[in-house]
Amino acid sequence: MNKAICILAPSFVIAATAEIVFVAIFDPIELHLVARVLGVSSHMAWYLAGFLLFWVFAAAASLLSHLMFLRAGARHP
């Protein structure tokens, strides 16, 4: 559980920061071509989808860093 928190907590902060920057630059509802295809017209749905996507990418990067750190530590005690 502690490892999961060490991976998910920093990735949550990074995802929140990425979402703020993204929303400051783009209004997700203006991406109307994708919205028409997916049938999504709600601002909150776009914000949630974007945040979850950013969180998944940040968590994957944190997990990869954690695994690389563990592997390096196993070689050099």
PDB file of N, CA and C in Angstrom:
ATOM      1  N   MET A   1       0.827  -1.196   0.000  1.00  0.00           N
ATOM      2  CA  MET A   1       0.000   0.000   0.000  1.00  0.00           C
ATOM      3  C   MET A   1       0.868   1.255   0.000  1.00  0.00           C
ATOM      4  N   ASN A   2       1.965   1.223   0.748  1.00  0.00           N
ATOM      5  CA  ASN A   2       2.853   2.370   0.823  1.00  0.00           C
ATOM      6  C   ASN A   2       3.485   2.657  -0.540  1.00  0.00           C
ATOM      7  N   LYS A   3       3.848   1.597  -1.273  1.00  0.00           N
ATOM      8  CA  LYS A   3       4.431   1.778  -2.605  1.00  0.00           C
ATOM      9  C   LYS A   3       3.422   2.407  -3.558  1.00  0.00           C
ATOM     10  N   ALA A   4       2.174   1.970  -3.458  1.00  0.00           N
ATOM     11  CA  ALA A   4       1.129   2.534  -4.317  1.00  0.00           C
ATOM     12  C   ALA A   4       0.945   4.018  -4.044  1.00  0.00           C
ATOM     13  N   ILE A   5       0.970   4.404  -2.784  1.00  0.00           N
ATOM     14  CA  ILE A   5       0.835   5.820  -2.430  1.00  0.00           C
ATOM     15  C   ILE A   5       2.028   6.611  -2.940  1.00  0.00           C
ATOM     16  N   CYS A   6       3.228   6.028  -2.833  1.00  0.00           N
ATOM     17  CA  CYS A   6       4.432   6.710  -3.312  1.00  0.00           C
ATOM     18  C   CYS A   6       4.419   6.899  -4.825  1.00  0.00           C
ATOM     19  N   ILE A   7       3.681   6.069  -5.531  1.00  0.00           N
ATOM     20  CA  ILE A   7       3.583   6.192  -6.987  1.00  0.00           C
ATOM     21  C   ILE A   7       2.405   7.082  -7.378  1.00  0.00           C
ATOM     22  N   LEU A   8       1.254   6.883  -6.744  1.00  0.00           N
ATOM     23  CA  LEU A   8       0.040   7.591  -7.162  1.00  0.00           C
ATOM     24  C   LEU A   8      -0.038   9.038  -6.665  1.00  0.00           C
ATOM     25  N   ALA A   9       0.519   9.326  -5.501  1.00  0.00           N
ATOM     26  CA  ALA A   9       0.430  10.696  -4.977  1.00  0.00           C
ATOM     27  C   ALA A   9       1.183  11.702  -5.846  1.00  0.00           C
ATOM     28  N   PRO A  10       2.461  11.452  -6.188  1.00  0.00           N
ATOM     29  CA  PRO A  10       3.134  12.420  -7.058  1.00  0.00           C
ATOM     30  C   PRO A  10       2.502  12.493  -8.450  1.00  0.00           C
ATOM     31  N   SER A  11       2.022  11.356  -8.944  1.00  0.00           N
ATOM     32  CA  SER A  11       1.407  11.376 -10.274  1.00  0.00           C
ATOM     33  C   SER A  11       0.093  12.149 -10.257  1.00  0.00           C
ATOM     34  N   PHE A  12      -0.612  12.163  -9.114  1.00  0.00           N
ATOM     35  CA  PHE A  12      -1.831  12.960  -8.990  1.00  0.00           C
ATOM     36  C   PHE A  12      -1.506  14.447  -9.097  1.00  0.00           C
ATOM     37  N   VAL A  13      -0.449  14.866  -8.432  1.00  0.00           N
ATOM     38  CA  VAL A  13      -0.045  16.279  -8.481  1.00  0.00           C
ATOM     39  C   VAL A  13       0.362  16.664  -9.902  1.00  0.00           C
ATOM     40  N   ILE A  14       1.122  15.811 -10.564  1.00  0.00           N
ATOM     41  CA  ILE A  14       1.535  16.085 -11.938  1.00  0.00           C
ATOM     42  C   ILE A  14       0.325  16.133 -12.861  1.00  0.00           C
ATOM     43  N   ALA A  15      -0.621  15.205 -12.686  1.00  0.00           N
ATOM     44  CA  ALA A  15      -1.823  15.189 -13.514  1.00  0.00           C
ATOM     45  C   ALA A  15      -2.659  16.450 -13.294  1.00  0.00           C
ATOM     46  N   ALA A  16      -2.775  16.890 -12.057  1.00  0.00           N
ATOM     47  CA  ALA A  16      -3.536  18.114 -11.776  1.00  0.00           C
ATOM     48  C   ALA A  16      -2.870  19.320 -12.425  1.00  0.00           C
ATOM     49  N   THR A  17      -1.547  19.377 -12.352  1.00  0.00           N
ATOM     50  CA  THR A  17      -0.816  20.481 -12.986  1.00  0.00           C
ATOM     51  C   THR A  17      -0.972  20.438 -14.498  1.00  0.00           C
ATOM     52  N   ALA A  18      -0.860  19.252 -15.081  1.00  0.00           N
ATOM     53  CA  ALA A  18      -1.021  19.116 -16.534  1.00  0.00           C
ATOM     54  C   ALA A  18      -2.431  19.498 -16.966  1.00  0.00           C
ATOM     55  N   GLU A  19      -3.423  19.127 -16.175  1.00  0.00           N
ATOM     56  CA  GLU A  19      -4.800  19.477 -16.499  1.00  0.00           C
ATOM     57  C   GLU A  19      -5.013  20.992 -16.445  1.00  0.00           C
ATOM     58  N   ILE A  20      -4.450  21.649 -15.452  1.00  0.00           N
ATOM     59  CA  ILE A  20      -4.573  23.102 -15.347  1.00  0.00           C
ATOM     60  C   ILE A  20      -3.943  23.785 -16.553  1.00  0.00           C
ATOM     61  N   VAL A  21      -2.769  23.337 -16.941  1.00  0.00           N
ATOM     62  CA  VAL A  21      -2.084  23.922 -18.103  1.00  0.00           C
ATOM     63  C   VAL A  21      -2.887  23.659 -19.376  1.00  0.00           C
ATOM     64  N   PHE A  22      -3.374  22.438 -19.540  1.00  0.00           N
ATOM     65  CA  PHE A  22      -4.150  22.092 -20.732  1.00  0.00           C
ATOM     66  C   PHE A  22      -5.412  22.938 -20.843  1.00  0.00           C
ATOM     67  N   VAL A  23      -6.138  23.057 -19.734  1.00  0.00           N
ATOM     68  CA  VAL A  23      -7.387  23.823 -19.750  1.00  0.00           C
ATOM     69  C   VAL A  23      -7.119  25.313 -19.941  1.00  0.00           C
ATOM     70  N   ALA A  24      -5.965  25.787 -19.481  1.00  0.00           N
ATOM     71  CA  ALA A  24      -5.627  27.199 -19.688  1.00  0.00           C
ATOM     72  C   ALA A  24      -5.351  27.486 -21.161  1.00  0.00           C
ATOM     73  N   ILE A  25      -4.860  26.486 -21.881  1.00  0.00           N
ATOM     74  CA  ILE A  25      -4.529  26.686 -23.288  1.00  0.00           C
ATOM     75  C   ILE A  25      -5.703  26.335 -24.199  1.00  0.00           C
ATOM     76  N   PHE A  26      -6.352  25.221 -23.933  1.00  0.00           N
ATOM     77  CA  PHE A  26      -7.441  24.734 -24.786  1.00  0.00           C
ATOM     78  C   PHE A  26      -8.716  24.614 -23.973  1.00  0.00           C
ATOM     79  N   ASP A  27      -9.836  24.928 -24.602  1.00  0.00           N
ATOM     80  CA  ASP A  27     -11.133  24.620 -24.021  1.00  0.00           C
ATOM     81  C   ASP A  27     -11.539  23.272 -24.600  1.00  0.00           C
ATOM     82  N   PRO A  28     -11.609  22.229 -23.797  1.00  0.00           N
ATOM     83  CA  PRO A  28     -11.875  20.898 -24.340  1.00  0.00           C
ATOM     84  C   PRO A  28     -13.151  20.796 -25.164  1.00  0.00           C
ATOM     85  N   ILE A  29     -14.142  21.601 -24.873  1.00  0.00           N
ATOM     86  CA  ILE A  29     -15.380  21.534 -25.645  1.00  0.00           C
ATOM     87  C   ILE A  29     -15.167  22.050 -27.068  1.00  0.00           C
ATOM     88  N   GLU A  30     -14.111  22.847 -27.283  1.00  0.00           N
ATOM     89  CA  GLU A  30     -13.822  23.341 -28.628  1.00  0.00           C
ATOM     90  C   GLU A  30     -13.236  22.255 -29.528  1.00  0.00           C
ATOM     91  N   LEU A  31     -12.853  21.166 -28.953  1.00  0.00           N
ATOM     92  CA  LEU A  31     -12.388  20.036 -29.746  1.00  0.00           C
ATOM     93  C   LEU A  31     -13.617  19.287 -30.262  1.00  0.00           C
ATOM     94  N   HIS A  32     -14.416  19.997 -31.035  1.00  0.00           N
ATOM     95  CA  HIS A  32     -15.742  19.531 -31.413  1.00  0.00           C
ATOM     96  C   HIS A  32     -15.730  18.327 -32.336  1.00  0.00           C
ATOM     97  N   LEU A  33     -14.696  18.122 -33.114  1.00  0.00           N
ATOM     98  CA  LEU A  33     -14.671  16.960 -33.998  1.00  0.00           C
ATOM     99  C   LEU A  33     -14.638  15.661 -33.204  1.00  0.00           C
ATOM    100  N   VAL A  34     -13.835  15.644 -32.190  1.00  0.00           N
ATOM    101  CA  VAL A  34     -13.773  14.459 -31.326  1.00  0.00           C
ATOM    102  C   VAL A  34     -15.063  14.337 -30.526  1.00  0.00           C
ATOM    103  N   ALA A  35     -15.599  15.460 -30.092  1.00  0.00           N
ATOM    104  CA  ALA A  35     -16.826  15.440 -29.293  1.00  0.00           C
ATOM    105  C   ALA A  35     -17.985  14.863 -30.096  1.00  0.00           C
ATOM    106  N   ARG A  36     -18.057  15.208 -31.368  1.00  0.00           N
ATOM    107  CA  ARG A  36     -19.136  14.674 -32.193  1.00  0.00           C
ATOM    108  C   ARG A  36     -19.016  13.168 -32.356  1.00  0.00           C
ATOM    109  N   VAL A  37     -17.813  12.701 -32.580  1.00  0.00           N
ATOM    110  CA  VAL A  37     -17.599  11.264 -32.766  1.00  0.00           C
ATOM    111  C   VAL A  37     -17.946  10.495 -31.491  1.00  0.00           C
ATOM    112  N   LEU A  38     -17.523  11.021 -30.343  1.00  0.00           N
ATOM    113  CA  LEU A  38     -17.751  10.334 -29.072  1.00  0.00           C
ATOM    114  C   LEU A  38     -19.121  10.625 -28.467  1.00  0.00           C
ATOM    115  N   GLY A  39     -19.786  11.643 -28.955  1.00  0.00           N
ATOM    116  CA  GLY A  39     -21.098  11.996 -28.416  1.00  0.00           C
ATOM    117  C   GLY A  39     -21.034  12.637 -27.049  1.00  0.00           C
ATOM    118  N   VAL A  40     -19.929  13.308 -26.728  1.00  0.00           N
ATOM    119  CA  VAL A  40     -19.758  13.948 -25.425  1.00  0.00           C
ATOM    120  C   VAL A  40     -19.864  15.452 -25.612  1.00  0.00           C
ATOM    121  N   SER A  41     -20.739  16.076 -24.850  1.00  0.00           N
ATOM    122  CA  SER A  41     -20.873  17.522 -24.963  1.00  0.00           C
ATOM    123  C   SER A  41     -20.677  18.239 -23.626  1.00  0.00           C
ATOM    124  N   SER A  42     -20.438  17.482 -22.579  1.00  0.00           N
ATOM    125  CA  SER A  42     -20.290  18.055 -21.248  1.00  0.00           C
ATOM    126  C   SER A  42     -18.848  18.483 -20.992  1.00  0.00           C
ATOM    127  N   HIS A  43     -18.686  19.702 -20.443  1.00  0.00           N
ATOM    128  CA  HIS A  43     -17.355  20.174 -20.062  1.00  0.00           C
ATOM    129  C   HIS A  43     -16.734  19.262 -19.012  1.00  0.00           C
ATOM    130  N   MET A  44     -17.527  18.881 -18.025  1.00  0.00           N
ATOM    131  CA  MET A  44     -17.004  18.052 -16.929  1.00  0.00           C
ATOM    132  C   MET A  44     -16.524  16.693 -17.422  1.00  0.00           C
ATOM    133  N   ALA A  45     -17.205  16.131 -18.400  1.00  0.00           N
ATOM    134  CA  ALA A  45     -16.776  14.838 -18.943  1.00  0.00           C
ATOM    135  C   ALA A  45     -15.412  14.966 -19.620  1.00  0.00           C
ATOM    136  N   TRP A  46     -15.201  16.057 -20.353  1.00  0.00           N
ATOM    137  CA  TRP A  46     -13.902  16.286 -20.996  1.00  0.00           C
ATOM    138  C   TRP A  46     -12.820  16.517 -19.954  1.00  0.00           C
ATOM    139  N   TYR A  47     -13.117  17.304 -18.946  1.00  0.00           N
ATOM    140  CA  TYR A  47     -12.124  17.575 -17.905  1.00  0.00           C
ATOM    141  C   TYR A  47     -11.749  16.294 -17.163  1.00  0.00           C
ATOM    142  N   LEU A  48     -12.752  15.478 -16.843  1.00  0.00           N
ATOM    143  CA  LEU A  48     -12.492  14.222 -16.152  1.00  0.00           C
ATOM    144  C   LEU A  48     -11.665  13.269 -17.024  1.00  0.00           C
ATOM    145  N   ALA A  49     -12.045  13.140 -18.278  1.00  0.00           N
ATOM    146  CA  ALA A  49     -11.303  12.252 -19.182  1.00  0.00           C
ATOM    147  C   ALA A  49      -9.855  12.718 -19.334  1.00  0.00           C
ATOM    148  N   GLY A  50      -9.668  14.006 -19.479  1.00  0.00           N
ATOM    149  CA  GLY A  50      -8.312  14.537 -19.599  1.00  0.00           C
ATOM    150  C   GLY A  50      -7.500  14.315 -18.341  1.00  0.00           C
ATOM    151  N   PHE A  51      -8.109  14.573 -17.194  1.00  0.00           N
ATOM    152  CA  PHE A  51      -7.393  14.370 -15.939  1.00  0.00           C
ATOM    153  C   PHE A  51      -7.012  12.914 -15.747  1.00  0.00           C
ATOM    154  N   LEU A  52      -7.936  11.995 -16.019  1.00  0.00           N
ATOM    155  CA  LEU A  52      -7.627  10.576 -15.863  1.00  0.00           C
ATOM    156  C   LEU A  52      -6.537  10.131 -16.825  1.00  0.00           C
ATOM    157  N   LEU A  53      -6.567  10.650 -18.030  1.00  0.00           N
ATOM    158  CA  LEU A  53      -5.520  10.321 -19.000  1.00  0.00           C
ATOM    159  C   LEU A  53      -4.161  10.838 -18.531  1.00  0.00           C
ATOM    160  N   PHE A  54      -4.113  12.068 -18.070  1.00  0.00           N
ATOM    161  CA  PHE A  54      -2.862  12.620 -17.539  1.00  0.00           C
ATOM    162  C   PHE A  54      -2.391  11.819 -16.324  1.00  0.00           C
ATOM    163  N   TRP A  55      -3.324  11.393 -15.487  1.00  0.00           N
ATOM    164  CA  TRP A  55      -2.965  10.649 -14.278  1.00  0.00           C
ATOM    165  C   TRP A  55      -2.395   9.271 -14.636  1.00  0.00           C
ATOM    166  N   VAL A  56      -2.987   8.625 -15.631  1.00  0.00           N
ATOM    167  CA  VAL A  56      -2.474   7.319 -16.060  1.00  0.00           C
ATOM    168  C   VAL A  56      -1.059   7.458 -16.598  1.00  0.00           C
ATOM    169  N   PHE A  57      -0.815   8.462 -17.429  1.00  0.00           N
ATOM    170  CA  PHE A  57       0.528   8.656 -17.984  1.00  0.00           C
ATOM    171  C   PHE A  57       1.539   8.998 -16.887  1.00  0.00           C
ATOM    172  N   ALA A  58       1.149   9.853 -15.958  1.00  0.00           N
ATOM    173  CA  ALA A  58       2.059  10.223 -14.876  1.00  0.00           C
ATOM    174  C   ALA A  58       2.310   9.040 -13.947  1.00  0.00           C
ATOM    175  N   ALA A  59       1.294   8.230 -13.676  1.00  0.00           N
ATOM    176  CA  ALA A  59       1.474   7.050 -12.828  1.00  0.00           C
ATOM    177  C   ALA A  59       2.375   6.035 -13.510  1.00  0.00           C
ATOM    178  N   ALA A  60       2.228   5.887 -14.820  1.00  0.00           N
ATOM    179  CA  ALA A  60       3.099   4.967 -15.551  1.00  0.00           C
ATOM    180  C   ALA A  60       4.553   5.435 -15.487  1.00  0.00           C
ATOM    181  N   ALA A  61       4.774   6.723 -15.609  1.00  0.00           N
ATOM    182  CA  ALA A  61       6.133   7.254 -15.511  1.00  0.00           C
ATOM    183  C   ALA A  61       6.690   7.072 -14.098  1.00  0.00           C
ATOM    184  N   SER A  62       5.871   7.289 -13.091  1.00  0.00           N
ATOM    185  CA  SER A  62       6.323   7.095 -11.706  1.00  0.00           C
ATOM    186  C   SER A  62       6.622   5.625 -11.430  1.00  0.00           C
ATOM    187  N   LEU A  63       5.785   4.742 -11.941  1.00  0.00           N
ATOM    188  CA  LEU A  63       6.005   3.309 -11.756  1.00  0.00           C
ATOM    189  C   LEU A  63       7.289   2.865 -12.448  1.00  0.00           C
ATOM    190  N   LEU A  64       7.501   3.350 -13.646  1.00  0.00           N
ATOM    191  CA  LEU A  64       8.726   3.011 -14.367  1.00  0.00           C
ATOM    192  C   LEU A  64       9.959   3.503 -13.622  1.00  0.00           C
ATOM    193  N   SER A  65       9.900   4.709 -13.100  1.00  0.00           N
ATOM    194  CA  SER A  65      11.017   5.239 -12.313  1.00  0.00           C
ATOM    195  C   SER A  65      11.238   4.397 -11.062  1.00  0.00           C
ATOM    196  N   HIS A  66      10.166   4.004 -10.408  1.00  0.00           N
ATOM    197  CA  HIS A  66      10.270   3.180  -9.204  1.00  0.00           C
ATOM    198  C   HIS A  66      10.918   1.828  -9.519  1.00  0.00           C
ATOM    199  N   LEU A  67      10.478   1.199 -10.601  1.00  0.00           N
ATOM    200  CA  LEU A  67      11.036  -0.094 -10.976  1.00  0.00           C
ATOM    201  C   LEU A  67      12.511   0.018 -11.367  1.00  0.00           C
ATOM    202  N   MET A  68      12.860   1.080 -12.055  1.00  0.00           N
ATOM    203  CA  MET A  68      14.266   1.282 -12.419  1.00  0.00           C
ATOM    204  C   MET A  68      15.108   1.518 -11.168  1.00  0.00           C
ATOM    205  N   PHE A  69      14.579   2.244 -10.208  1.00  0.00           N
ATOM    206  CA  PHE A  69      15.289   2.488  -8.958  1.00  0.00           C
ATOM    207  C   PHE A  69      15.497   1.186  -8.192  1.00  0.00           C
ATOM    208  N   LEU A  70      14.464   0.341  -8.136  1.00  0.00           N
ATOM    209  CA  LEU A  70      14.580  -0.946  -7.454  1.00  0.00           C
ATOM    210  C   LEU A  70      15.616  -1.839  -8.126  1.00  0.00           C
ATOM    211  N   ARG A  71      15.602  -1.861  -9.439  1.00  0.00           N
ATOM    212  CA  ARG A  71      16.548  -2.689 -10.168  1.00  0.00           C
ATOM    213  C   ARG A  71      17.972  -2.191  -9.964  1.00  0.00           C
ATOM    214  N   ALA A  72      18.194  -0.893  -9.973  1.00  0.00           N
ATOM    215  CA  ALA A  72      19.523  -0.338  -9.752  1.00  0.00           C
ATOM    216  C   ALA A  72      19.982  -0.624  -8.334  1.00  0.00           C
ATOM    217  N   GLY A  73      19.086  -0.584  -7.379  1.00  0.00           N
ATOM    218  CA  GLY A  73      19.436  -0.875  -5.989  1.00  0.00           C
ATOM    219  C   GLY A  73      19.787  -2.334  -5.778  1.00  0.00           C
ATOM    220  N   ALA A  74      19.176  -3.213  -6.574  1.00  0.00           N
ATOM    221  CA  ALA A  74      19.481  -4.641  -6.432  1.00  0.00           C
ATOM    222  C   ALA A  74      20.884  -4.963  -6.927  1.00  0.00           C
ATOM    223  N   ARG A  75      21.379  -4.221  -7.896  1.00  0.00           N
ATOM    224  CA  ARG A  75      22.724  -4.455  -8.422  1.00  0.00           C
ATOM    225  C   ARG A  75      23.803  -3.860  -7.541  1.00  0.00           C
ATOM    226  N   HIS A  76      23.486  -2.764  -6.860  1.00  0.00           N
ATOM    227  CA  HIS A  76      24.474  -2.063  -6.042  1.00  0.00           C
ATOM    228  C   HIS A  76      23.962  -1.962  -4.608  1.00  0.00           C
ATOM    229  N   PRO A  77      24.209  -2.988  -3.799  1.00  0.00           N
ATOM    230  CA  PRO A  77      23.687  -2.959  -2.420  1.00  0.00           C
ATOM    231  C   PRO A  77      24.334  -1.944  -1.522  1.00  0.00           C
TER     232      PRO A  77
END
